[in-house]
Amino acid sequence: MAREEASPPEGNSFTRFFDRVDRALLPVFGPSPPTAESEADTTPLDQRSCPICGHPMFEHVVDHSTANTVLICPTDERLPEPDETAPYNELGMPASGRRLEKYEERNGEQER
């Protein structure tokens, strides 16, 4: 009788373990805080500008006939590329974090 009163009312040790994990992680990974409605872009998708040429998206053609989807812009004009003089990481993206710190340290030593 004492054993029945001391044990949890439902589930086995496996489910109780994950219930404890869920309760412990809820403060860390809980629901995201609500955001202001003004942050959301309410422009219709077809009227937003193209990230490549800057024209509205309704002027473009999206080709799904191949395995890779192709966006066909209506013009040969392109938006200017951002001027990136910092080093790149192994994926060809601008470096950040520790890699950028090391780069700045090395450049600081070379300039002296």
PDB file of N, CA and C in Angstrom:
ATOM      1  N   MET A   1       0.817  -1.182   0.000  1.00  0.00           N
ATOM      2  CA  MET A   1       0.000   0.000   0.000  1.00  0.00           C
ATOM      3  C   MET A   1       0.869   1.257   0.000  1.00  0.00           C
ATOM      4  N   ALA A   2       1.926   1.289   0.809  1.00  0.00           N
ATOM      5  CA  ALA A   2       2.803   2.464   0.859  1.00  0.00           C
ATOM      6  C   ALA A   2       3.490   2.672  -0.485  1.00  0.00           C
ATOM      7  N   ARG A   3       3.837   1.567  -1.148  1.00  0.00           N
ATOM      8  CA  ARG A   3       4.492   1.658  -2.445  1.00  0.00           C
ATOM      9  C   ARG A   3       3.564   2.296  -3.481  1.00  0.00           C
ATOM     10  N   GLU A   4       2.297   1.952  -3.480  1.00  0.00           N
ATOM     11  CA  GLU A   4       1.340   2.503  -4.429  1.00  0.00           C
ATOM     12  C   GLU A   4       1.131   3.997  -4.207  1.00  0.00           C
ATOM     13  N   GLU A   5       1.125   4.413  -2.956  1.00  0.00           N
ATOM     14  CA  GLU A   5       0.929   5.828  -2.664  1.00  0.00           C
ATOM     15  C   GLU A   5       2.149   6.655  -3.021  1.00  0.00           C
ATOM     16  N   ALA A   6       3.353   6.081  -2.933  1.00  0.00           N
ATOM     17  CA  ALA A   6       4.588   6.815  -3.205  1.00  0.00           C
ATOM     18  C   ALA A   6       4.891   6.898  -4.698  1.00  0.00           C
ATOM     19  N   SER A   7       4.413   5.970  -5.488  1.00  0.00           N
ATOM     20  CA  SER A   7       4.740   5.968  -6.913  1.00  0.00           C
ATOM     21  C   SER A   7       3.875   6.974  -7.671  1.00  0.00           C
ATOM     22  N   PRO A   8       4.384   7.491  -8.798  1.00  0.00           N
ATOM     23  CA  PRO A   8       3.598   8.423  -9.616  1.00  0.00           C
ATOM     24  C   PRO A   8       2.332   7.743 -10.129  1.00  0.00           C
ATOM     25  N   PRO A   9       1.281   8.489 -10.340  1.00  0.00           N
ATOM     26  CA  PRO A   9      -0.003   7.901 -10.702  1.00  0.00           C
ATOM     27  C   PRO A   9      -0.038   7.251 -12.078  1.00  0.00           C
ATOM     28  N   GLU A  10       0.756   7.727 -13.048  1.00  0.00           N
ATOM     29  CA  GLU A  10       0.629   7.159 -14.390  1.00  0.00           C
ATOM     30  C   GLU A  10       1.973   7.105 -15.085  1.00  0.00           C
ATOM     31  N   GLY A  11       2.082   6.278 -16.099  1.00  0.00           N
ATOM     32  CA  GLY A  11       3.282   6.167 -16.911  1.00  0.00           C
ATOM     33  C   GLY A  11       4.332   5.267 -16.292  1.00  0.00           C
ATOM     34  N   ASN A  12       5.305   4.900 -17.114  1.00  0.00           N
ATOM     35  CA  ASN A  12       6.412   4.095 -16.633  1.00  0.00           C
ATOM     36  C   ASN A  12       7.634   4.987 -16.456  1.00  0.00           C
ATOM     37  N   SER A  13       8.760   4.411 -16.099  1.00  0.00           N
ATOM     38  CA  SER A  13       9.951   5.219 -15.829  1.00  0.00           C
ATOM     39  C   SER A  13      10.427   5.941 -17.088  1.00  0.00           C
ATOM     40  N   PHE A  14      10.234   5.333 -18.242  1.00  0.00           N
ATOM     41  CA  PHE A  14      10.634   5.960 -19.504  1.00  0.00           C
ATOM     42  C   PHE A  14       9.848   7.254 -19.742  1.00  0.00           C
ATOM     43  N   THR A  15       8.539   7.206 -19.636  1.00  0.00           N
ATOM     44  CA  THR A  15       7.729   8.401 -19.883  1.00  0.00           C
ATOM     45  C   THR A  15       7.928   9.447 -18.791  1.00  0.00           C
ATOM     46  N   ARG A  16       8.129   9.003 -17.558  1.00  0.00           N
ATOM     47  CA  ARG A  16       8.386   9.967 -16.472  1.00  0.00           C
ATOM     48  C   ARG A  16       9.711  10.686 -16.689  1.00  0.00           C
ATOM     49  N   PHE A  17      10.727   9.944 -17.194  1.00  0.00           N
ATOM     50  CA  PHE A  17      12.019  10.570 -17.470  1.00  0.00           C
ATOM     51  C   PHE A  17      11.855  11.711 -18.469  1.00  0.00           C
ATOM     52  N   PHE A  18      11.148  11.475 -19.562  1.00  0.00           N
ATOM     53  CA  PHE A  18      10.991  12.520 -20.565  1.00  0.00           C
ATOM     54  C   PHE A  18      10.065  13.636 -20.113  1.00  0.00           C
ATOM     55  N   ASP A  19       9.143  13.337 -19.223  1.00  0.00           N
ATOM     56  CA  ASP A  19       8.338  14.410 -18.624  1.00  0.00           C
ATOM     57  C   ASP A  19       9.237  15.334 -17.812  1.00  0.00           C
ATOM     58  N   ARG A  20      10.183  14.754 -17.062  1.00  0.00           N
ATOM     59  CA  ARG A  20      11.123  15.575 -16.291  1.00  0.00           C
ATOM     60  C   ARG A  20      12.017  16.393 -17.216  1.00  0.00           C
ATOM     61  N   VAL A  21      12.484  15.789 -18.306  1.00  0.00           N
ATOM     62  CA  VAL A  21      13.323  16.521 -19.266  1.00  0.00           C
ATOM     63  C   VAL A  21      12.534  17.678 -19.864  1.00  0.00           C
ATOM     64  N   ASP A  22      11.298  17.431 -20.245  1.00  0.00           N
ATOM     65  CA  ASP A  22      10.459  18.500 -20.807  1.00  0.00           C
ATOM     66  C   ASP A  22      10.274  19.647 -19.819  1.00  0.00           C
ATOM     67  N   ARG A  23      10.000  19.300 -18.563  1.00  0.00           N
ATOM     68  CA  ARG A  23       9.820  20.352 -17.553  1.00  0.00           C
ATOM     69  C   ARG A  23      11.107  21.133 -17.330  1.00  0.00           C
ATOM     70  N   ALA A  24      12.263  20.456 -17.385  1.00  0.00           N
ATOM     71  CA  ALA A  24      13.545  21.134 -17.167  1.00  0.00           C
ATOM     72  C   ALA A  24      13.909  22.049 -18.334  1.00  0.00           C
ATOM     73  N   LEU A  25      13.572  21.648 -19.554  1.00  0.00           N
ATOM     74  CA  LEU A  25      13.952  22.427 -20.737  1.00  0.00           C
ATOM     75  C   LEU A  25      12.926  23.482 -21.132  1.00  0.00           C
ATOM     76  N   LEU A  26      11.755  23.443 -20.558  1.00  0.00           N
ATOM     77  CA  LEU A  26      10.720  24.411 -20.917  1.00  0.00           C
ATOM     78  C   LEU A  26      11.174  25.855 -20.721  1.00  0.00           C
ATOM     79  N   PRO A  27      11.854  26.205 -19.623  1.00  0.00           N
ATOM     80  CA  PRO A  27      12.300  27.601 -19.500  1.00  0.00           C
ATOM     81  C   PRO A  27      13.315  27.997 -20.562  1.00  0.00           C
ATOM     82  N   VAL A  28      14.107  27.050 -21.042  1.00  0.00           N
ATOM     83  CA  VAL A  28      15.132  27.356 -22.037  1.00  0.00           C
ATOM     84  C   VAL A  28      14.544  27.406 -23.437  1.00  0.00           C
ATOM     85  N   PHE A  29      13.777  26.392 -23.807  1.00  0.00           N
ATOM     86  CA  PHE A  29      13.239  26.285 -25.159  1.00  0.00           C
ATOM     87  C   PHE A  29      11.746  26.515 -25.209  1.00  0.00           C
ATOM     88  N   GLY A  30      11.223  27.291 -24.304  1.00  0.00           N
ATOM     89  CA  GLY A  30       9.783  27.540 -24.235  1.00  0.00           C
ATOM     90  C   GLY A  30       9.268  28.225 -25.488  1.00  0.00           C
ATOM     91  N   PRO A  31       8.012  28.552 -25.501  1.00  0.00           N
ATOM     92  CA  PRO A  31       7.448  29.200 -26.682  1.00  0.00           C
ATOM     93  C   PRO A  31       8.121  30.548 -26.932  1.00  0.00           C
ATOM     94  N   SER A  32       8.238  30.912 -28.190  1.00  0.00           N
ATOM     95  CA  SER A  32       8.900  32.167 -28.532  1.00  0.00           C
ATOM     96  C   SER A  32       8.046  33.347 -28.072  1.00  0.00           C
ATOM     97  N   PRO A  33       8.703  34.429 -27.715  1.00  0.00           N
ATOM     98  CA  PRO A  33       7.936  35.590 -27.260  1.00  0.00           C
ATOM     99  C   PRO A  33       7.145  36.193 -28.420  1.00  0.00           C
ATOM    100  N   PRO A  34       5.999  36.745 -28.136  1.00  0.00           N
ATOM    101  CA  PRO A  34       5.212  37.348 -29.215  1.00  0.00           C
ATOM    102  C   PRO A  34       5.948  38.561 -29.786  1.00  0.00           C
ATOM    103  N   THR A  35       5.809  38.746 -31.082  1.00  0.00           N
ATOM    104  CA  THR A  35       6.449  39.881 -31.741  1.00  0.00           C
ATOM    105  C   THR A  35       5.395  40.913 -32.106  1.00  0.00           C
ATOM    106  N   ALA A  36       5.852  42.110 -32.340  1.00  0.00           N
ATOM    107  CA  ALA A  36       4.930  43.178 -32.724  1.00  0.00           C
ATOM    108  C   ALA A  36       4.419  42.911 -34.137  1.00  0.00           C
ATOM    109  N   GLU A  37       3.170  43.224 -34.369  1.00  0.00           N
ATOM    110  CA  GLU A  37       2.579  42.994 -35.683  1.00  0.00           C
ATOM    111  C   GLU A  37       3.175  43.918 -36.731  1.00  0.00           C
ATOM    112  N   SER A  38       3.746  45.037 -36.314  1.00  0.00           N
ATOM    113  CA  SER A  38       4.306  45.976 -37.278  1.00  0.00           C
ATOM    114  C   SER A  38       5.563  45.427 -37.947  1.00  0.00           C
ATOM    115  N   GLU A  39       6.207  44.419 -37.341  1.00  0.00           N
ATOM    116  CA  GLU A  39       7.411  43.842 -37.918  1.00  0.00           C
ATOM    117  C   GLU A  39       7.097  42.979 -39.139  1.00  0.00           C
ATOM    118  N   ALA A  40       5.926  42.415 -39.211  1.00  0.00           N
ATOM    119  CA  ALA A  40       5.577  41.538 -40.316  1.00  0.00           C
ATOM    120  C   ALA A  40       5.387  42.351 -41.592  1.00  0.00           C
ATOM    121  N   ASP A  41       5.968  41.826 -42.685  1.00  0.00           N
ATOM    122  CA  ASP A  41       5.821  42.478 -43.974  1.00  0.00           C
ATOM    123  C   ASP A  41       4.478  42.071 -44.566  1.00  0.00           C
ATOM    124  N   THR A  42       3.583  43.028 -44.739  1.00  0.00           N
ATOM    125  CA  THR A  42       2.241  42.721 -45.232  1.00  0.00           C
ATOM    126  C   THR A  42       2.111  42.891 -46.739  1.00  0.00           C
ATOM    127  N   THR A  43       3.228  43.183 -47.420  1.00  0.00           N
ATOM    128  CA  THR A  43       3.193  43.323 -48.869  1.00  0.00           C
ATOM    129  C   THR A  43       2.917  41.959 -49.492  1.00  0.00           C
ATOM    130  N   PRO A  44       2.010  41.884 -50.457  1.00  0.00           N
ATOM    131  CA  PRO A  44       1.769  40.597 -51.121  1.00  0.00           C
ATOM    132  C   PRO A  44       3.059  40.061 -51.741  1.00  0.00           C
ATOM    133  N   LEU A  45       3.209  38.745 -51.760  1.00  0.00           N
ATOM    134  CA  LEU A  45       4.436  38.133 -52.242  1.00  0.00           C
ATOM    135  C   LEU A  45       4.783  38.536 -53.675  1.00  0.00           C
ATOM    136  N   ASP A  46       3.791  38.634 -54.525  1.00  0.00           N
ATOM    137  CA  ASP A  46       4.095  38.962 -55.920  1.00  0.00           C
ATOM    138  C   ASP A  46       4.489  40.423 -56.117  1.00  0.00           C
ATOM    139  N   GLN A  47       4.265  41.278 -55.141  1.00  0.00           N
ATOM    140  CA  GLN A  47       4.648  42.680 -55.264  1.00  0.00           C
ATOM    141  C   GLN A  47       5.970  42.993 -54.571  1.00  0.00           C
ATOM    142  N   ARG A  48       6.534  42.044 -53.852  1.00  0.00           N
ATOM    143  CA  ARG A  48       7.827  42.263 -53.206  1.00  0.00           C
ATOM    144  C   ARG A  48       8.923  42.312 -54.261  1.00  0.00           C
ATOM    145  N   SER A  49      10.016  42.978 -53.933  1.00  0.00           N
ATOM    146  CA  SER A  49      11.088  43.123 -54.919  1.00  0.00           C
ATOM    147  C   SER A  49      11.971  41.887 -54.949  1.00  0.00           C
ATOM    148  N   CYS A  50      12.523  41.623 -56.105  1.00  0.00           N
ATOM    149  CA  CYS A  50      13.414  40.493 -56.328  1.00  0.00           C
ATOM    150  C   CYS A  50      14.755  40.778 -55.647  1.00  0.00           C
ATOM    151  N   PRO A  51      15.334  39.813 -54.948  1.00  0.00           N
ATOM    152  CA  PRO A  51      16.620  40.048 -54.304  1.00  0.00           C
ATOM    153  C   PRO A  51      17.779  40.119 -55.296  1.00  0.00           C
ATOM    154  N   ILE A  52      17.545  39.738 -56.549  1.00  0.00           N
ATOM    155  CA  ILE A  52      18.615  39.742 -57.545  1.00  0.00           C
ATOM    156  C   ILE A  52      18.599  41.008 -58.383  1.00  0.00           C
ATOM    157  N   CYS A  53      17.423  41.372 -58.915  1.00  0.00           N
ATOM    158  CA  CYS A  53      17.373  42.523 -59.816  1.00  0.00           C
ATOM    159  C   CYS A  53      16.614  43.719 -59.251  1.00  0.00           C
ATOM    160  N   GLY A  54      15.802  43.521 -58.229  1.00  0.00           N
ATOM    161  CA  GLY A  54      15.065  44.624 -57.617  1.00  0.00           C
ATOM    162  C   GLY A  54      13.698  44.887 -58.220  1.00  0.00           C
ATOM    163  N   HIS A  55      13.338  44.214 -59.299  1.00  0.00           N
ATOM    164  CA  HIS A  55      12.019  44.373 -59.920  1.00  0.00           C
ATOM    165  C   HIS A  55      10.982  43.597 -59.112  1.00  0.00           C
ATOM    166  N   PRO A  56       9.691  43.935 -59.247  1.00  0.00           N
ATOM    167  CA  PRO A  56       8.647  43.175 -58.542  1.00  0.00           C
ATOM    168  C   PRO A  56       8.636  41.714 -58.993  1.00  0.00           C
ATOM    169  N   MET A  57       8.294  40.824 -58.086  1.00  0.00           N
ATOM    170  CA  MET A  57       8.336  39.393 -58.389  1.00  0.00           C
ATOM    171  C   MET A  57       7.298  38.961 -59.418  1.00  0.00           C
ATOM    172  N   PHE A  58       6.208  39.729 -59.576  1.00  0.00           N
ATOM    173  CA  PHE A  58       5.203  39.313 -60.555  1.00  0.00           C
ATOM    174  C   PHE A  58       5.722  39.435 -61.980  1.00  0.00           C
ATOM    175  N   GLU A  59       6.812  40.158 -62.203  1.00  0.00           N
ATOM    176  CA  GLU A  59       7.413  40.270 -63.533  1.00  0.00           C
ATOM    177  C   GLU A  59       8.303  39.080 -63.867  1.00  0.00           C
ATOM    178  N   HIS A  60       8.554  38.211 -62.931  1.00  0.00           N
ATOM    179  CA  HIS A  60       9.477  37.101 -63.107  1.00  0.00           C
ATOM    180  C   HIS A  60       8.767  35.820 -63.506  1.00  0.00           C
ATOM    181  N   VAL A  61       9.549  34.877 -64.023  1.00  0.00           N
ATOM    182  CA  VAL A  61       9.056  33.545 -64.351  1.00  0.00           C
ATOM    183  C   VAL A  61       9.847  32.555 -63.514  1.00  0.00           C
ATOM    184  N   VAL A  62       9.146  31.619 -62.888  1.00  0.00           N
ATOM    185  CA  VAL A  62       9.805  30.575 -62.113  1.00  0.00           C
ATOM    186  C   VAL A  62       9.637  29.272 -62.872  1.00  0.00           C
ATOM    187  N   ASP A  63      10.774  28.681 -63.271  1.00  0.00           N
ATOM    188  CA  ASP A  63      10.771  27.462 -64.073  1.00  0.00           C
ATOM    189  C   ASP A  63      10.962  26.255 -63.165  1.00  0.00           C
ATOM    190  N   HIS A  64       9.926  25.416 -63.068  1.00  0.00           N
ATOM    191  CA  HIS A  64       9.978  24.205 -62.250  1.00  0.00           C
ATOM    192  C   HIS A  64      10.126  22.953 -63.107  1.00  0.00           C
ATOM    193  N   SER A  65      10.502  23.089 -64.377  1.00  0.00           N
ATOM    194  CA  SER A  65      10.542  21.939 -65.279  1.00  0.00           C
ATOM    195  C   SER A  65      11.754  21.042 -65.041  1.00  0.00           C
ATOM    196  N   THR A  66      12.765  21.509 -64.341  1.00  0.00           N
ATOM    197  CA  THR A  66      13.951  20.691 -64.063  1.00  0.00           C
ATOM    198  C   THR A  66      14.007  20.377 -62.572  1.00  0.00           C
ATOM    199  N   ALA A  67      15.018  19.611 -62.174  1.00  0.00           N
ATOM    200  CA  ALA A  67      15.176  19.261 -60.763  1.00  0.00           C
ATOM    201  C   ALA A  67      15.481  20.502 -59.931  1.00  0.00           C
ATOM    202  N   ASN A  68      16.194  21.451 -60.505  1.00  0.00           N
ATOM    203  CA  ASN A  68      16.500  22.706 -59.820  1.00  0.00           C
ATOM    204  C   ASN A  68      15.534  23.782 -60.293  1.00  0.00           C
ATOM    205  N   THR A  69      14.919  24.477 -59.372  1.00  0.00           N
ATOM    206  CA  THR A  69      14.020  25.569 -59.714  1.00  0.00           C
ATOM    207  C   THR A  69      14.843  26.750 -60.181  1.00  0.00           C
ATOM    208  N   VAL A  70      14.432  27.374 -61.282  1.00  0.00           N
ATOM    209  CA  VAL A  70      15.176  28.488 -61.873  1.00  0.00           C
ATOM    210  C   VAL A  70      14.291  29.730 -61.864  1.00  0.00           C
ATOM    211  N   LEU A  71      14.849  30.837 -61.377  1.00  0.00           N
ATOM    212  CA  LEU A  71      14.166  32.127 -61.406  1.00  0.00           C
ATOM    213  C   LEU A  71      14.675  32.898 -62.615  1.00  0.00           C
ATOM    214  N   ILE A  72      13.775  33.289 -63.490  1.00  0.00           N
ATOM    215  CA  ILE A  72      14.161  34.025 -64.696  1.00  0.00           C
ATOM    216  C   ILE A  72      13.744  35.477 -64.513  1.00  0.00           C
ATOM    217  N   CYS A  73      14.746  36.353 -64.416  1.00  0.00           N
ATOM    218  CA  CYS A  73      14.493  37.779 -64.228  1.00  0.00           C
ATOM    219  C   CYS A  73      14.138  38.430 -65.563  1.00  0.00           C
ATOM    220  N   PRO A  74      13.278  39.473 -65.552  1.00  0.00           N
ATOM    221  CA  PRO A  74      12.863  40.120 -66.793  1.00  0.00           C
ATOM    222  C   PRO A  74      13.915  41.071 -67.358  1.00  0.00           C
ATOM    223  N   THR A  75      14.997  41.302 -66.661  1.00  0.00           N
ATOM    224  CA  THR A  75      15.999  42.266 -67.097  1.00  0.00           C
ATOM    225  C   THR A  75      17.390  41.734 -66.796  1.00  0.00           C
ATOM    226  N   ASP A  76      18.379  42.297 -67.451  1.00  0.00           N
ATOM    227  CA  ASP A  76      19.765  41.914 -67.193  1.00  0.00           C
ATOM    228  C   ASP A  76      20.387  42.741 -66.076  1.00  0.00           C
ATOM    229  N   GLU A  77      19.658  43.735 -65.569  1.00  0.00           N
ATOM    230  CA  GLU A  77      20.167  44.563 -64.481  1.00  0.00           C
ATOM    231  C   GLU A  77      20.254  43.728 -63.213  1.00  0.00           C
ATOM    232  N   ARG A  78      21.265  43.999 -62.402  1.00  0.00           N
ATOM    233  CA  ARG A  78      21.419  43.304 -61.141  1.00  0.00           C
ATOM    234  C   ARG A  78      21.683  44.318 -60.046  1.00  0.00           C
ATOM    235  N   LEU A  79      21.242  43.996 -58.840  1.00  0.00           N
ATOM    236  CA  LEU A  79      21.545  44.848 -57.706  1.00  0.00           C
ATOM    237  C   LEU A  79      23.041  44.773 -57.430  1.00  0.00           C
ATOM    238  N   PRO A  80      23.639  45.839 -56.921  1.00  0.00           N
ATOM    239  CA  PRO A  80      25.077  45.782 -56.657  1.00  0.00           C
ATOM    240  C   PRO A  80      25.403  44.771 -55.559  1.00  0.00           C
ATOM    241  N   GLU A  81      26.528  44.097 -55.754  1.00  0.00           N
ATOM    242  CA  GLU A  81      26.989  43.140 -54.752  1.00  0.00           C
ATOM    243  C   GLU A  81      27.499  43.892 -53.535  1.00  0.00           C
ATOM    244  N   PRO A  82      27.251  43.388 -52.342  1.00  0.00           N
ATOM    245  CA  PRO A  82      27.795  44.051 -51.160  1.00  0.00           C
ATOM    246  C   PRO A  82      29.318  43.967 -51.179  1.00  0.00           C
ATOM    247  N   ASP A  83      29.986  45.054 -50.800  1.00  0.00           N
ATOM    248  CA  ASP A  83      31.440  45.097 -50.794  1.00  0.00           C
ATOM    249  C   ASP A  83      31.941  44.372 -49.559  1.00  0.00           C
ATOM    250  N   GLU A  84      32.467  43.194 -49.752  1.00  0.00           N
ATOM    251  CA  GLU A  84      32.930  42.373 -48.633  1.00  0.00           C
ATOM    252  C   GLU A  84      34.439  42.229 -48.719  1.00  0.00           C
ATOM    253  N   THR A  85      35.152  42.837 -47.786  1.00  0.00           N
ATOM    254  CA  THR A  85      36.612  42.746 -47.775  1.00  0.00           C
ATOM    255  C   THR A  85      37.109  41.820 -46.684  1.00  0.00           C
ATOM    256  N   ALA A  86      36.239  41.356 -45.829  1.00  0.00           N
ATOM    257  CA  ALA A  86      36.622  40.459 -44.744  1.00  0.00           C
ATOM    258  C   ALA A  86      36.863  39.055 -45.298  1.00  0.00           C
ATOM    259  N   PRO A  87      37.487  38.193 -44.536  1.00  0.00           N
ATOM    260  CA  PRO A  87      37.759  36.832 -45.023  1.00  0.00           C
ATOM    261  C   PRO A  87      36.479  36.003 -45.107  1.00  0.00           C
ATOM    262  N   TYR A  88      36.571  34.915 -45.860  1.00  0.00           N
ATOM    263  CA  TYR A  88      35.445  34.001 -46.012  1.00  0.00           C
ATOM    264  C   TYR A  88      35.724  32.723 -45.231  1.00  0.00           C
ATOM    265  N   ASN A  89      34.656  32.046 -44.813  1.00  0.00           N
ATOM    266  CA  ASN A  89      34.823  30.763 -44.134  1.00  0.00           C
ATOM    267  C   ASN A  89      34.906  29.652 -45.162  1.00  0.00           C
ATOM    268  N   GLU A  90      34.943  28.408 -44.711  1.00  0.00           N
ATOM    269  CA  GLU A  90      35.106  27.269 -45.620  1.00  0.00           C
ATOM    270  C   GLU A  90      33.918  27.065 -46.546  1.00  0.00           C
ATOM    271  N   LEU A  91      32.784  27.719 -46.272  1.00  0.00           N
ATOM    272  CA  LEU A  91      31.610  27.602 -47.134  1.00  0.00           C
ATOM    273  C   LEU A  91      31.474  28.779 -48.089  1.00  0.00           C
ATOM    274  N   GLY A  92      32.456  29.682 -48.089  1.00  0.00           N
ATOM    275  CA  GLY A  92      32.415  30.826 -48.987  1.00  0.00           C
ATOM    276  C   GLY A  92      31.555  31.960 -48.478  1.00  0.00           C
ATOM    277  N   MET A  93      31.206  31.937 -47.199  1.00  0.00           N
ATOM    278  CA  MET A  93      30.403  32.999 -46.609  1.00  0.00           C
ATOM    279  C   MET A  93      31.304  33.866 -45.752  1.00  0.00           C
ATOM    280  N   PRO A  94      30.921  35.125 -45.488  1.00  0.00           N
ATOM    281  CA  PRO A  94      31.760  35.982 -44.643  1.00  0.00           C
ATOM    282  C   PRO A  94      32.012  35.337 -43.288  1.00  0.00           C
ATOM    283  N   ALA A  95      33.269  35.369 -42.886  1.00  0.00           N
ATOM    284  CA  ALA A  95      33.667  34.736 -41.626  1.00  0.00           C
ATOM    285  C   ALA A  95      33.085  35.503 -40.442  1.00  0.00           C
ATOM    286  N   SER A  96      32.875  34.783 -39.341  1.00  0.00           N
ATOM    287  CA  SER A  96      32.379  35.404 -38.122  1.00  0.00           C
ATOM    288  C   SER A  96      32.959  34.662 -36.933  1.00  0.00           C
ATOM    289  N   GLY A  97      32.767  35.212 -35.767  1.00  0.00           N
ATOM    290  CA  GLY A  97      33.174  34.541 -34.539  1.00  0.00           C
ATOM    291  C   GLY A  97      34.678  34.464 -34.386  1.00  0.00           C
ATOM    292  N   ARG A  98      35.144  33.314 -33.947  1.00  0.00           N
ATOM    293  CA  ARG A  98      36.565  33.112 -33.646  1.00  0.00           C
ATOM    294  C   ARG A  98      37.437  33.267 -34.891  1.00  0.00           C
ATOM    295  N   ARG A  99      36.959  32.815 -36.043  1.00  0.00           N
ATOM    296  CA  ARG A  99      37.742  32.930 -37.271  1.00  0.00           C
ATOM    297  C   ARG A  99      38.000  34.392 -37.610  1.00  0.00           C
ATOM    298  N   LEU A 100      37.016  35.239 -37.436  1.00  0.00           N
ATOM    299  CA  LEU A 100      37.167  36.663 -37.713  1.00  0.00           C
ATOM    300  C   LEU A 100      38.120  37.304 -36.701  1.00  0.00           C
ATOM    301  N   GLU A 101      38.040  36.873 -35.447  1.00  0.00           N
ATOM    302  CA  GLU A 101      38.960  37.392 -34.430  1.00  0.00           C
ATOM    303  C   GLU A 101      40.406  37.055 -34.781  1.00  0.00           C
ATOM    304  N   LYS A 102      40.651  35.813 -35.201  1.00  0.00           N
ATOM    305  CA  LYS A 102      42.005  35.399 -35.589  1.00  0.00           C
ATOM    306  C   LYS A 102      42.493  36.227 -36.778  1.00  0.00           C
ATOM    307  N   TYR A 103      41.631  36.458 -37.746  1.00  0.00           N
ATOM    308  CA  TYR A 103      42.003  37.244 -38.925  1.00  0.00           C
ATOM    309  C   TYR A 103      42.398  38.660 -38.520  1.00  0.00           C
ATOM    310  N   GLU A 104      41.609  39.276 -37.635  1.00  0.00           N
ATOM    311  CA  GLU A 104      41.910  40.639 -37.197  1.00  0.00           C
ATOM    312  C   GLU A 104      43.208  40.691 -36.399  1.00  0.00           C
ATOM    313  N   GLU A 105      43.481  39.653 -35.591  1.00  0.00           N
ATOM    314  CA  GLU A 105      44.738  39.592 -34.853  1.00  0.00           C
ATOM    315  C   GLU A 105      45.933  39.524 -35.795  1.00  0.00           C
ATOM    316  N   ARG A 106      45.831  38.658 -36.826  1.00  0.00           N
ATOM    317  CA  ARG A 106      46.917  38.512 -37.790  1.00  0.00           C
ATOM    318  C   ARG A 106      47.143  39.792 -38.571  1.00  0.00           C
ATOM    319  N   ASN A 107      46.060  40.441 -39.003  1.00  0.00           N
ATOM    320  CA  ASN A 107      46.222  41.686 -39.760  1.00  0.00           C
ATOM    321  C   ASN A 107      46.779  42.793 -38.905  1.00  0.00           C
ATOM    322  N   GLY A 108      46.430  42.837 -37.626  1.00  0.00           N
ATOM    323  CA  GLY A 108      46.957  43.824 -36.717  1.00  0.00           C
ATOM    324  C   GLY A 108      48.462  43.663 -36.525  1.00  0.00           C
ATOM    325  N   GLU A 109      48.934  42.383 -36.489  1.00  0.00           N
ATOM    326  CA  GLU A 109      50.360  42.110 -36.327  1.00  0.00           C
ATOM    327  C   GLU A 109      51.124  42.460 -37.596  1.00  0.00           C
ATOM    328  N   GLN A 110      50.532  42.247 -38.772  1.00  0.00           N
ATOM    329  CA  GLN A 110      51.209  42.521 -40.043  1.00  0.00           C
ATOM    330  C   GLN A 110      51.362  44.020 -40.284  1.00  0.00           C
ATOM    331  N   GLU A 111      50.427  44.808 -39.799  1.00  0.00           N
ATOM    332  CA  GLU A 111      50.470  46.256 -40.012  1.00  0.00           C
ATOM    333  C   GLU A 111      51.532  46.924 -39.154  1.00  0.00           C
ATOM    334  N   ARG A 112      51.966  46.279 -38.073  1.00  0.00           N
ATOM    335  CA  ARG A 112      52.946  46.897 -37.173  1.00  0.00           C
ATOM    336  C   ARG A 112      54.317  46.876 -37.718  1.00  0.00           C
TER     337      ARG A 112
END
